Amino acid sequence: MRFTILEVADNTNRGYYMGLYNGLYRLGSLGGMLLGGILADQYGISVTAIFLGPSPCWLFRLQSGPFPAQPCLSMTEVSR
């Protein structure tokens, strides 16, 4: 089960949670650019690309935990 901001927030604190979510999302983008720039300066663009290229796969695997991911619904199942 996934919770979204719209499900957990009410009208009084929805703006706060939306701002927090967007801030953390942007902070992650900044961190990725900063890390990529530092690694490219120190080790070169090729090593950085080889190291950081598959990192979304590693991070997704860490985030999914020991349970397999639920399959996505097809468009025919959604339209029913």
N, C-alpha and C. Protein backbone atom coordinates (compact mmCIF):
# COMPACT_ATOMS: atom_id res chain seq x y z
N MET A 1 0.84 -1.17 0.00
CA MET A 1 0.00 0.00 0.00
C MET A 1 0.89 1.24 0.00
N ARG A 2 0.59 2.17 -0.87
CA ARG A 2 1.36 3.41 -0.94
C ARG A 2 0.51 4.56 -0.45
N PHE A 3 1.13 5.43 0.32
CA PHE A 3 0.44 6.62 0.81
C PHE A 3 0.95 7.82 0.03
N THR A 4 0.07 8.68 -0.32
CA THR A 4 0.45 9.92 -0.96
C THR A 4 0.10 11.08 -0.04
N ILE A 5 0.60 12.23 -0.41
CA ILE A 5 0.34 13.41 0.41
C ILE A 5 -1.15 13.69 0.49
N LEU A 6 -1.85 13.48 -0.60
CA LEU A 6 -3.29 13.74 -0.60
C LEU A 6 -4.05 12.81 0.33
N GLU A 7 -3.52 11.63 0.56
CA GLU A 7 -4.19 10.69 1.45
C GLU A 7 -3.89 10.97 2.92
N VAL A 8 -2.70 11.43 3.23
CA VAL A 8 -2.32 11.60 4.63
C VAL A 8 -2.51 13.01 5.16
N ALA A 9 -2.61 13.99 4.27
CA ALA A 9 -2.73 15.38 4.71
C ALA A 9 -4.18 15.85 4.59
N ASP A 10 -4.52 16.79 5.45
CA ASP A 10 -5.84 17.42 5.33
C ASP A 10 -5.65 18.84 4.78
N ASN A 11 -6.70 19.60 4.71
CA ASN A 11 -6.63 20.93 4.10
C ASN A 11 -5.74 21.89 4.89
N THR A 12 -5.54 21.64 6.17
CA THR A 12 -4.76 22.57 6.97
C THR A 12 -3.25 22.39 6.82
N ASN A 13 -2.78 21.18 6.47
CA ASN A 13 -1.34 20.96 6.39
C ASN A 13 -0.88 20.42 5.04
N ARG A 14 -1.74 20.40 4.05
CA ARG A 14 -1.38 19.86 2.74
C ARG A 14 -0.27 20.68 2.08
N GLY A 15 -0.32 22.00 2.21
CA GLY A 15 0.72 22.85 1.63
C GLY A 15 2.08 22.59 2.24
N TYR A 16 2.11 22.38 3.54
CA TYR A 16 3.36 22.08 4.22
C TYR A 16 3.97 20.79 3.69
N TYR A 17 3.15 19.74 3.59
CA TYR A 17 3.67 18.46 3.12
C TYR A 17 4.06 18.49 1.65
N MET A 18 3.34 19.24 0.84
CA MET A 18 3.71 19.39 -0.57
C MET A 18 5.05 20.12 -0.67
N GLY A 19 5.24 21.16 0.13
CA GLY A 19 6.51 21.88 0.13
C GLY A 19 7.66 21.01 0.61
N LEU A 20 7.41 20.22 1.64
CA LEU A 20 8.43 19.31 2.15
C LEU A 20 8.82 18.29 1.10
N TYR A 21 7.83 17.70 0.45
CA TYR A 21 8.10 16.71 -0.60
C TYR A 21 8.90 17.33 -1.73
N ASN A 22 8.46 18.47 -2.22
CA ASN A 22 9.17 19.11 -3.34
C ASN A 22 10.57 19.55 -2.93
N GLY A 23 10.74 20.02 -1.71
CA GLY A 23 12.06 20.41 -1.24
C GLY A 23 13.02 19.24 -1.18
N LEU A 24 12.56 18.11 -0.65
CA LEU A 24 13.41 16.92 -0.58
C LEU A 24 13.72 16.38 -1.96
N TYR A 25 12.75 16.45 -2.86
CA TYR A 25 12.96 16.00 -4.23
C TYR A 25 14.05 16.85 -4.89
N ARG A 26 13.97 18.16 -4.73
CA ARG A 26 14.97 19.06 -5.32
C ARG A 26 16.32 18.91 -4.63
N LEU A 27 16.33 18.65 -3.34
CA LEU A 27 17.58 18.44 -2.63
C LEU A 27 18.30 17.20 -3.16
N GLY A 28 17.54 16.17 -3.50
CA GLY A 28 18.13 14.98 -4.10
C GLY A 28 18.74 15.27 -5.46
N SER A 29 18.09 16.12 -6.24
CA SER A 29 18.65 16.51 -7.53
C SER A 29 19.96 17.27 -7.34
N LEU A 30 19.98 18.18 -6.39
CA LEU A 30 21.20 18.94 -6.10
C LEU A 30 22.32 18.01 -5.64
N GLY A 31 22.00 17.08 -4.77
CA GLY A 31 23.01 16.14 -4.28
C GLY A 31 23.59 15.29 -5.39
N GLY A 32 22.73 14.86 -6.31
CA GLY A 32 23.22 14.06 -7.44
C GLY A 32 24.14 14.84 -8.35
N MET A 33 23.78 16.08 -8.64
CA MET A 33 24.64 16.91 -9.48
C MET A 33 25.96 17.22 -8.79
N LEU A 34 25.90 17.50 -7.50
CA LEU A 34 27.11 17.80 -6.75
C LEU A 34 28.04 16.58 -6.69
N LEU A 35 27.50 15.43 -6.38
CA LEU A 35 28.29 14.20 -6.32
C LEU A 35 28.88 13.87 -7.69
N GLY A 36 28.06 14.00 -8.74
CA GLY A 36 28.55 13.74 -10.09
C GLY A 36 29.67 14.69 -10.49
N GLY A 37 29.54 15.96 -10.15
CA GLY A 37 30.58 16.93 -10.47
C GLY A 37 31.88 16.66 -9.75
N ILE A 38 31.78 16.32 -8.47
CA ILE A 38 32.98 16.03 -7.69
C ILE A 38 33.67 14.77 -8.21
N LEU A 39 32.88 13.73 -8.47
CA LEU A 39 33.48 12.49 -8.99
C LEU A 39 34.08 12.68 -10.38
N ALA A 40 33.42 13.47 -11.23
CA ALA A 40 33.95 13.71 -12.57
C ALA A 40 35.26 14.50 -12.50
N ASP A 41 35.36 15.43 -11.57
CA ASP A 41 36.61 16.17 -11.40
C ASP A 41 37.74 15.27 -10.90
N GLN A 42 37.41 14.39 -9.97
CA GLN A 42 38.45 13.57 -9.35
C GLN A 42 38.87 12.37 -10.20
N TYR A 43 37.88 11.70 -10.83
CA TYR A 43 38.16 10.43 -11.48
C TYR A 43 37.92 10.43 -12.99
N GLY A 44 37.28 11.45 -13.50
CA GLY A 44 36.99 11.50 -14.93
C GLY A 44 35.54 11.13 -15.21
N ILE A 45 35.09 11.57 -16.36
CA ILE A 45 33.68 11.37 -16.71
C ILE A 45 33.34 9.90 -16.98
N SER A 46 34.28 9.13 -17.52
CA SER A 46 34.00 7.73 -17.84
C SER A 46 33.76 6.91 -16.58
N VAL A 47 34.64 7.06 -15.60
CA VAL A 47 34.48 6.32 -14.35
C VAL A 47 33.20 6.75 -13.63
N THR A 48 32.92 8.05 -13.65
CA THR A 48 31.71 8.56 -13.01
C THR A 48 30.46 8.00 -13.67
N ALA A 49 30.45 7.96 -15.00
CA ALA A 49 29.29 7.43 -15.72
C ALA A 49 29.12 5.93 -15.46
N ILE A 50 30.21 5.20 -15.40
CA ILE A 50 30.13 3.76 -15.12
C ILE A 50 29.62 3.51 -13.70
N PHE A 51 30.03 4.35 -12.77
CA PHE A 51 29.62 4.18 -11.38
C PHE A 51 28.19 4.65 -11.14
N LEU A 52 27.85 5.84 -11.64
CA LEU A 52 26.54 6.42 -11.35
C LEU A 52 25.45 5.99 -12.33
N GLY A 53 25.83 5.48 -13.48
CA GLY A 53 24.83 5.06 -14.47
C GLY A 53 23.84 4.04 -13.93
N PRO A 54 24.32 2.94 -13.35
CA PRO A 54 23.37 1.94 -12.83
C PRO A 54 22.85 2.24 -11.43
N SER A 55 23.20 3.38 -10.84
CA SER A 55 22.78 3.65 -9.46
C SER A 55 21.27 3.72 -9.27
N PRO A 56 20.45 4.17 -10.24
CA PRO A 56 19.00 4.10 -10.01
C PRO A 56 18.51 2.67 -9.80
N CYS A 57 19.14 1.71 -10.47
CA CYS A 57 18.76 0.31 -10.28
C CYS A 57 19.12 -0.17 -8.89
N TRP A 58 20.29 0.24 -8.40
CA TRP A 58 20.69 -0.15 -7.05
C TRP A 58 19.77 0.47 -6.02
N LEU A 59 19.47 1.74 -6.20
CA LEU A 59 18.61 2.43 -5.24
C LEU A 59 17.20 1.86 -5.24
N PHE A 60 16.69 1.52 -6.42
CA PHE A 60 15.35 0.93 -6.49
C PHE A 60 15.33 -0.42 -5.80
N ARG A 61 16.38 -1.19 -5.96
CA ARG A 61 16.44 -2.50 -5.34
C ARG A 61 16.50 -2.36 -3.81
N LEU A 62 17.27 -1.39 -3.33
CA LEU A 62 17.33 -1.16 -1.88
C LEU A 62 15.99 -0.70 -1.33
N GLN A 63 15.30 0.13 -2.10
CA GLN A 63 14.02 0.68 -1.65
C GLN A 63 12.92 -0.38 -1.64
N SER A 64 12.99 -1.34 -2.56
CA SER A 64 11.91 -2.32 -2.67
C SER A 64 11.93 -3.34 -1.54
N GLY A 65 13.08 -3.52 -0.90
CA GLY A 65 13.15 -4.41 0.25
C GLY A 65 13.11 -5.88 -0.14
N PRO A 66 12.82 -6.76 0.81
CA PRO A 66 12.87 -8.19 0.53
C PRO A 66 11.67 -8.71 -0.26
N PHE A 67 10.63 -7.91 -0.39
CA PHE A 67 9.44 -8.38 -1.07
C PHE A 67 9.49 -8.00 -2.54
N PRO A 68 9.04 -8.87 -3.43
CA PRO A 68 9.03 -8.51 -4.84
C PRO A 68 8.03 -7.40 -5.12
N ALA A 69 8.32 -6.61 -6.12
CA ALA A 69 7.44 -5.50 -6.48
C ALA A 69 6.13 -6.03 -7.04
N GLN A 70 5.06 -5.32 -6.77
CA GLN A 70 3.76 -5.68 -7.31
C GLN A 70 3.74 -5.38 -8.80
N PRO A 71 3.18 -6.28 -9.61
CA PRO A 71 3.12 -5.98 -11.04
C PRO A 71 2.16 -4.83 -11.31
N CYS A 72 2.46 -4.06 -12.34
CA CYS A 72 1.60 -2.94 -12.72
C CYS A 72 0.34 -3.46 -13.38
N LEU A 73 -0.74 -2.73 -13.23
CA LEU A 73 -1.97 -3.11 -13.89
C LEU A 73 -1.91 -2.71 -15.35
N SER A 74 -2.45 -3.56 -16.19
CA SER A 74 -2.52 -3.21 -17.60
C SER A 74 -3.68 -2.24 -17.82
N MET A 75 -3.71 -1.60 -18.95
CA MET A 75 -4.77 -0.64 -19.25
C MET A 75 -6.15 -1.31 -19.30
N THR A 76 -6.20 -2.58 -19.68
CA THR A 76 -7.50 -3.25 -19.72
C THR A 76 -8.04 -3.49 -18.31
N GLU A 77 -7.13 -3.76 -17.36
CA GLU A 77 -7.57 -3.96 -15.99
C GLU A 77 -8.00 -2.65 -15.35
N VAL A 78 -7.35 -1.56 -15.69
CA VAL A 78 -7.69 -0.27 -15.14
C VAL A 78 -9.04 0.21 -15.63
N SER A 79 -9.37 -0.07 -16.90
CA SER A 79 -10.60 0.44 -17.49
C SER A 79 -11.83 -0.33 -17.03
N ARG A 80 -11.67 -1.43 -16.35
CA ARG A 80 -12.83 -2.22 -15.91
C ARG A 80 -13.57 -1.54 -14.81
